[in-house]
């Protein structure tokens, strides 16, 4: 009977020691997974993160030449531009501390600025007999539209808004990886 108690105690102790070793190994494995390179790799997978879009519509007036009907031509054009702003997450840096993860994001940038050629509408057109080339006018109109967007669209506010959105998105993404650690995005 004493042998059965001894065997039972050894079996219970073995199970407890096995559970303790298993817990320590899984905890060690879990802490090893959360590293700078793991977080940076996950963020890099997202690459260009567009967090704000702006559809900008405006009017541009163009005039060229000096003599009405002979060399002076002009038109008014309405256009639509699509602007995207965000960050390149492949440039993000992460630092892992015992109770906190700090992610440093790169500067927000305007990722694209495209004039929608299907949206071009010309009004108040005045043609000139000796100064009329439609191909040049369209190229000029596109250039003027792009210059107008760069000058008049509030790109700074768009970039700030994109930054705020990026910080929220990155914080939520890193929280899933960092589990119980505090996540700070700067």
Foldseek 3Di string as FASTA:
>chain_A
DVVVVVVVVVVVVVVVVVVVVVVVVVVVVLVVCDAFVNLLVVLQVVFWDFQFKDKDKDKDKDWDDDDAQAAIKIKMKIWIKIWTKAFGSNPKTWHDDPFEIEIETDAIDTPDIGIDPVRIDIDPIGDHPHHDDPVVVVVVVRVRVVVCCVPPPPVVVRRVSNVVRRQVVSLVVVCVSVPRHHYHYD
